N, C-alpha and C. Protein backbone atom coordinates (compact mmCIF):
# COMPACT_ATOMS: atom_id res chain seq x y z
N MET A 1 7.34 150.41 -85.43
CA MET A 1 8.14 151.33 -84.64
C MET A 1 7.21 152.21 -83.82
N LYS A 2 7.74 152.65 -82.70
CA LYS A 2 6.91 153.46 -81.81
C LYS A 2 7.76 154.49 -81.08
N THR A 3 7.09 155.44 -80.47
CA THR A 3 7.77 156.46 -79.69
C THR A 3 8.67 155.79 -78.66
N GLY A 4 9.91 156.30 -78.58
CA GLY A 4 10.89 155.78 -77.64
C GLY A 4 11.90 154.83 -78.27
N ASP A 5 11.56 154.26 -79.43
CA ASP A 5 12.48 153.34 -80.10
C ASP A 5 13.73 154.07 -80.58
N LYS A 6 14.89 153.42 -80.43
CA LYS A 6 16.13 153.91 -81.01
C LYS A 6 16.16 153.43 -82.46
N VAL A 7 16.56 154.34 -83.37
CA VAL A 7 16.55 154.03 -84.79
C VAL A 7 17.83 154.50 -85.47
N LYS A 8 18.04 153.95 -86.65
CA LYS A 8 19.15 154.36 -87.52
C LYS A 8 18.56 154.63 -88.90
N MET A 9 18.96 155.73 -89.50
CA MET A 9 18.48 156.07 -90.84
C MET A 9 19.28 155.27 -91.86
N ILE A 10 18.58 154.49 -92.69
CA ILE A 10 19.25 153.62 -93.65
C ILE A 10 19.09 154.07 -95.10
N THR A 11 18.08 154.89 -95.37
CA THR A 11 17.86 155.47 -96.69
C THR A 11 17.15 156.81 -96.50
N TYR A 12 17.01 157.56 -97.58
CA TYR A 12 16.15 158.73 -97.59
C TYR A 12 15.28 158.61 -98.82
N GLN A 13 13.99 158.68 -98.63
CA GLN A 13 13.00 158.48 -99.69
C GLN A 13 13.26 157.17 -100.44
N GLY A 14 13.72 156.17 -99.70
CA GLY A 14 13.90 154.83 -100.25
C GLY A 14 15.18 154.61 -101.04
N THR A 15 16.05 155.61 -101.09
CA THR A 15 17.29 155.47 -101.86
C THR A 15 18.50 155.76 -100.99
N LEU A 16 19.65 155.25 -101.42
CA LEU A 16 20.90 155.46 -100.69
C LEU A 16 21.64 156.72 -101.10
N LYS A 17 21.31 157.25 -102.27
CA LYS A 17 21.97 158.47 -102.72
C LYS A 17 20.99 159.30 -103.54
N LYS A 18 21.34 160.57 -103.69
CA LYS A 18 20.50 161.49 -104.45
C LYS A 18 20.28 160.95 -105.86
N VAL A 19 19.06 161.06 -106.33
CA VAL A 19 18.75 160.59 -107.68
C VAL A 19 18.54 161.76 -108.65
N TYR A 20 18.72 162.97 -108.16
CA TYR A 20 18.58 164.16 -108.98
C TYR A 20 19.33 165.29 -108.31
N ASP A 21 19.61 166.36 -109.05
CA ASP A 21 20.30 167.52 -108.49
C ASP A 21 19.36 168.27 -107.55
N ILE A 22 19.87 168.57 -106.39
CA ILE A 22 19.08 169.31 -105.40
C ILE A 22 19.97 170.35 -104.73
N GLU A 23 19.34 171.28 -104.08
CA GLU A 23 20.07 172.28 -103.32
C GLU A 23 20.65 171.64 -102.07
N PRO A 24 21.76 172.16 -101.56
CA PRO A 24 22.37 171.60 -100.35
C PRO A 24 21.41 171.54 -99.16
N GLY A 25 20.50 172.48 -99.06
CA GLY A 25 19.54 172.51 -97.96
C GLY A 25 18.49 171.43 -98.03
N GLU A 26 18.47 170.69 -99.14
CA GLU A 26 17.52 169.59 -99.32
C GLU A 26 18.22 168.22 -99.32
N ASP A 27 19.51 168.20 -99.05
CA ASP A 27 20.29 166.96 -99.14
C ASP A 27 20.21 166.15 -97.83
N TYR A 28 19.04 165.59 -97.59
CA TYR A 28 18.83 164.79 -96.38
C TYR A 28 19.51 163.43 -96.45
N TRP A 29 20.05 163.08 -97.61
CA TRP A 29 20.80 161.82 -97.74
C TRP A 29 22.05 161.85 -96.86
N GLN A 30 22.50 163.05 -96.50
CA GLN A 30 23.65 163.17 -95.60
C GLN A 30 23.40 162.50 -94.25
N LEU A 31 22.14 162.31 -93.92
CA LEU A 31 21.79 161.73 -92.62
C LEU A 31 21.81 160.21 -92.60
N ILE A 32 21.99 159.58 -93.74
CA ILE A 32 22.03 158.11 -93.77
C ILE A 32 23.16 157.64 -92.86
N GLY A 33 22.82 156.71 -92.00
CA GLY A 33 23.76 156.20 -91.00
C GLY A 33 23.61 156.87 -89.64
N SER A 34 22.89 157.98 -89.61
CA SER A 34 22.68 158.70 -88.35
C SER A 34 21.71 157.95 -87.46
N LYS A 35 21.92 158.12 -86.16
CA LYS A 35 21.07 157.45 -85.17
C LYS A 35 20.29 158.47 -84.37
N GLY A 36 19.18 158.01 -83.82
CA GLY A 36 18.35 158.87 -82.99
C GLY A 36 17.28 158.07 -82.30
N ARG A 37 16.27 158.79 -81.83
CA ARG A 37 15.17 158.16 -81.10
C ARG A 37 13.86 158.74 -81.61
N ILE A 38 12.86 157.90 -81.80
CA ILE A 38 11.53 158.37 -82.19
C ILE A 38 10.91 159.10 -81.00
N ILE A 39 10.54 160.35 -81.24
CA ILE A 39 9.93 161.13 -80.16
C ILE A 39 8.44 161.37 -80.38
N ASP A 40 7.94 161.01 -81.57
CA ASP A 40 6.51 161.16 -81.85
C ASP A 40 6.15 160.24 -83.02
N ASP A 41 5.20 159.35 -82.79
CA ASP A 41 4.77 158.44 -83.86
C ASP A 41 3.33 158.69 -84.28
N SER A 42 2.79 159.86 -83.96
CA SER A 42 1.37 160.14 -84.21
C SER A 42 1.04 160.27 -85.70
N ASP A 43 2.01 160.51 -86.57
CA ASP A 43 1.75 160.62 -88.01
C ASP A 43 1.98 159.30 -88.74
N LEU A 44 2.36 158.26 -88.02
CA LEU A 44 2.72 157.00 -88.65
C LEU A 44 1.58 156.40 -89.45
N GLU A 45 0.41 156.33 -88.86
CA GLU A 45 -0.72 155.68 -89.53
C GLU A 45 -1.17 156.44 -90.77
N ASN A 46 -1.24 157.77 -90.70
CA ASN A 46 -1.75 158.56 -91.82
C ASN A 46 -0.70 158.89 -92.87
N GLU A 47 0.51 159.22 -92.43
CA GLU A 47 1.54 159.71 -93.36
C GLU A 47 2.72 158.75 -93.51
N GLY A 48 2.81 157.75 -92.66
CA GLY A 48 3.93 156.81 -92.72
C GLY A 48 5.23 157.37 -92.19
N THR A 49 5.13 158.47 -91.41
CA THR A 49 6.33 159.10 -90.88
C THR A 49 6.34 159.08 -89.36
N VAL A 50 7.55 159.19 -88.83
CA VAL A 50 7.75 159.37 -87.40
C VAL A 50 8.68 160.56 -87.20
N PHE A 51 8.62 161.18 -86.05
CA PHE A 51 9.45 162.34 -85.76
C PHE A 51 10.65 161.83 -84.97
N VAL A 52 11.85 162.01 -85.54
CA VAL A 52 13.07 161.47 -84.97
C VAL A 52 13.94 162.59 -84.43
N ARG A 53 14.41 162.45 -83.19
CA ARG A 53 15.42 163.36 -82.64
C ARG A 53 16.76 162.67 -82.85
N PHE A 54 17.60 163.29 -83.67
CA PHE A 54 18.90 162.72 -83.98
C PHE A 54 19.90 163.00 -82.86
N ASN A 55 20.94 162.18 -82.80
CA ASN A 55 21.93 162.27 -81.74
C ASN A 55 22.98 163.35 -81.98
N HIS A 56 22.86 164.11 -83.04
CA HIS A 56 23.81 165.18 -83.31
C HIS A 56 23.08 166.43 -83.81
N ALA A 57 23.79 167.53 -83.88
CA ALA A 57 23.20 168.81 -84.25
C ALA A 57 22.87 168.86 -85.74
N LEU A 58 21.60 169.06 -86.05
CA LEU A 58 21.18 169.15 -87.44
C LEU A 58 21.43 170.53 -88.05
N HIS A 59 21.55 171.56 -87.21
CA HIS A 59 21.76 172.90 -87.75
C HIS A 59 23.08 173.00 -88.52
N ASP A 60 24.04 172.11 -88.24
CA ASP A 60 25.31 172.12 -88.97
C ASP A 60 25.13 171.79 -90.45
N TYR A 61 24.05 171.08 -90.78
CA TYR A 61 23.78 170.70 -92.17
C TYR A 61 23.11 171.81 -92.96
N LYS A 62 22.59 172.81 -92.27
CA LYS A 62 21.90 173.95 -92.90
C LYS A 62 20.73 173.50 -93.79
N PHE A 63 19.94 172.56 -93.28
CA PHE A 63 18.76 172.11 -94.01
C PHE A 63 17.72 173.20 -94.06
N ASN A 64 16.94 173.22 -95.16
CA ASN A 64 15.78 174.09 -95.23
C ASN A 64 14.77 173.60 -94.21
N ALA A 65 14.07 174.52 -93.58
CA ALA A 65 13.12 174.15 -92.53
C ALA A 65 11.79 173.70 -93.14
N HIS A 66 11.42 172.46 -92.88
CA HIS A 66 10.12 171.93 -93.31
C HIS A 66 9.23 171.65 -92.12
N ASN A 67 9.81 171.46 -90.98
CA ASN A 67 9.06 171.14 -89.76
C ASN A 67 9.28 172.26 -88.75
N GLU A 68 9.18 173.49 -89.20
CA GLU A 68 9.55 174.62 -88.35
C GLU A 68 8.84 174.61 -87.01
N GLU A 69 7.54 174.43 -87.02
CA GLU A 69 6.78 174.48 -85.77
C GLU A 69 7.23 173.38 -84.82
N ARG A 70 7.29 172.16 -85.31
CA ARG A 70 7.71 171.04 -84.47
C ARG A 70 9.21 171.10 -84.20
N GLY A 71 9.98 171.54 -85.19
CA GLY A 71 11.43 171.62 -85.04
C GLY A 71 11.84 172.60 -83.96
N MET A 72 11.06 173.66 -83.80
CA MET A 72 11.35 174.62 -82.74
C MET A 72 11.13 173.97 -81.38
N MET A 73 10.14 173.09 -81.30
CA MET A 73 9.85 172.42 -80.04
C MET A 73 10.83 171.29 -79.76
N PHE A 74 11.31 170.65 -80.82
CA PHE A 74 12.16 169.47 -80.69
C PHE A 74 13.43 169.66 -81.50
N ARG A 75 14.43 170.25 -80.90
CA ARG A 75 15.70 170.53 -81.57
C ARG A 75 16.32 169.23 -82.11
N ASN A 76 16.99 169.33 -83.26
CA ASN A 76 17.68 168.20 -83.91
C ASN A 76 16.72 167.10 -84.33
N SER A 77 15.50 167.48 -84.70
CA SER A 77 14.47 166.51 -85.04
C SER A 77 13.89 166.77 -86.42
N LEU A 78 13.54 165.68 -87.10
CA LEU A 78 12.91 165.75 -88.42
C LEU A 78 11.86 164.66 -88.54
N SER A 79 10.89 164.90 -89.40
CA SER A 79 9.90 163.89 -89.74
C SER A 79 10.51 163.01 -90.83
N ILE A 80 10.56 161.69 -90.57
CA ILE A 80 11.23 160.74 -91.46
C ILE A 80 10.28 159.59 -91.76
N LEU A 81 10.29 159.12 -93.01
CA LEU A 81 9.49 157.95 -93.35
C LEU A 81 9.96 156.75 -92.53
N GLU A 82 9.02 156.00 -91.99
CA GLU A 82 9.38 154.81 -91.22
C GLU A 82 10.19 153.84 -92.06
N SER A 83 9.88 153.77 -93.34
CA SER A 83 10.60 152.84 -94.23
C SER A 83 12.06 153.23 -94.45
N ASP A 84 12.45 154.45 -94.08
CA ASP A 84 13.84 154.90 -94.18
C ASP A 84 14.64 154.61 -92.92
N LEU A 85 14.01 153.93 -91.98
CA LEU A 85 14.64 153.67 -90.68
C LEU A 85 14.70 152.18 -90.38
N GLU A 86 15.65 151.81 -89.52
CA GLU A 86 15.67 150.48 -88.94
C GLU A 86 15.88 150.65 -87.45
N LEU A 87 15.41 149.68 -86.68
CA LEU A 87 15.65 149.72 -85.25
C LEU A 87 17.14 149.63 -84.98
N ASP A 88 17.62 150.44 -84.06
CA ASP A 88 19.03 150.43 -83.68
C ASP A 88 19.20 149.50 -82.49
N THR A 89 19.82 148.37 -82.73
CA THR A 89 19.99 147.38 -81.67
C THR A 89 21.38 147.43 -81.05
N SER A 90 22.21 148.40 -81.47
CA SER A 90 23.55 148.52 -80.89
C SER A 90 23.44 149.07 -79.48
N HIS A 91 24.43 148.81 -78.70
CA HIS A 91 24.41 149.27 -77.30
C HIS A 91 25.16 150.52 -77.20
């Protein structure tokens, strides 16, 4: 995967549902099925993650901020493991 690719989130941390109790602000499994576009793949080689801008407002989920610096620059975006994504081939 590379910058510019359209993607769909298929898992979070390799699973389809939460495997332990977590706070609502950490429930990123809610994003499974969401689509977006890779806007930065510079962490792929070292961390296995890409920065995805999702097609909908993430602030509605009230997630805890983990990518504050980058998130301020790229609204509706999160760092996601590449293995949690598939290429979106829908039109």
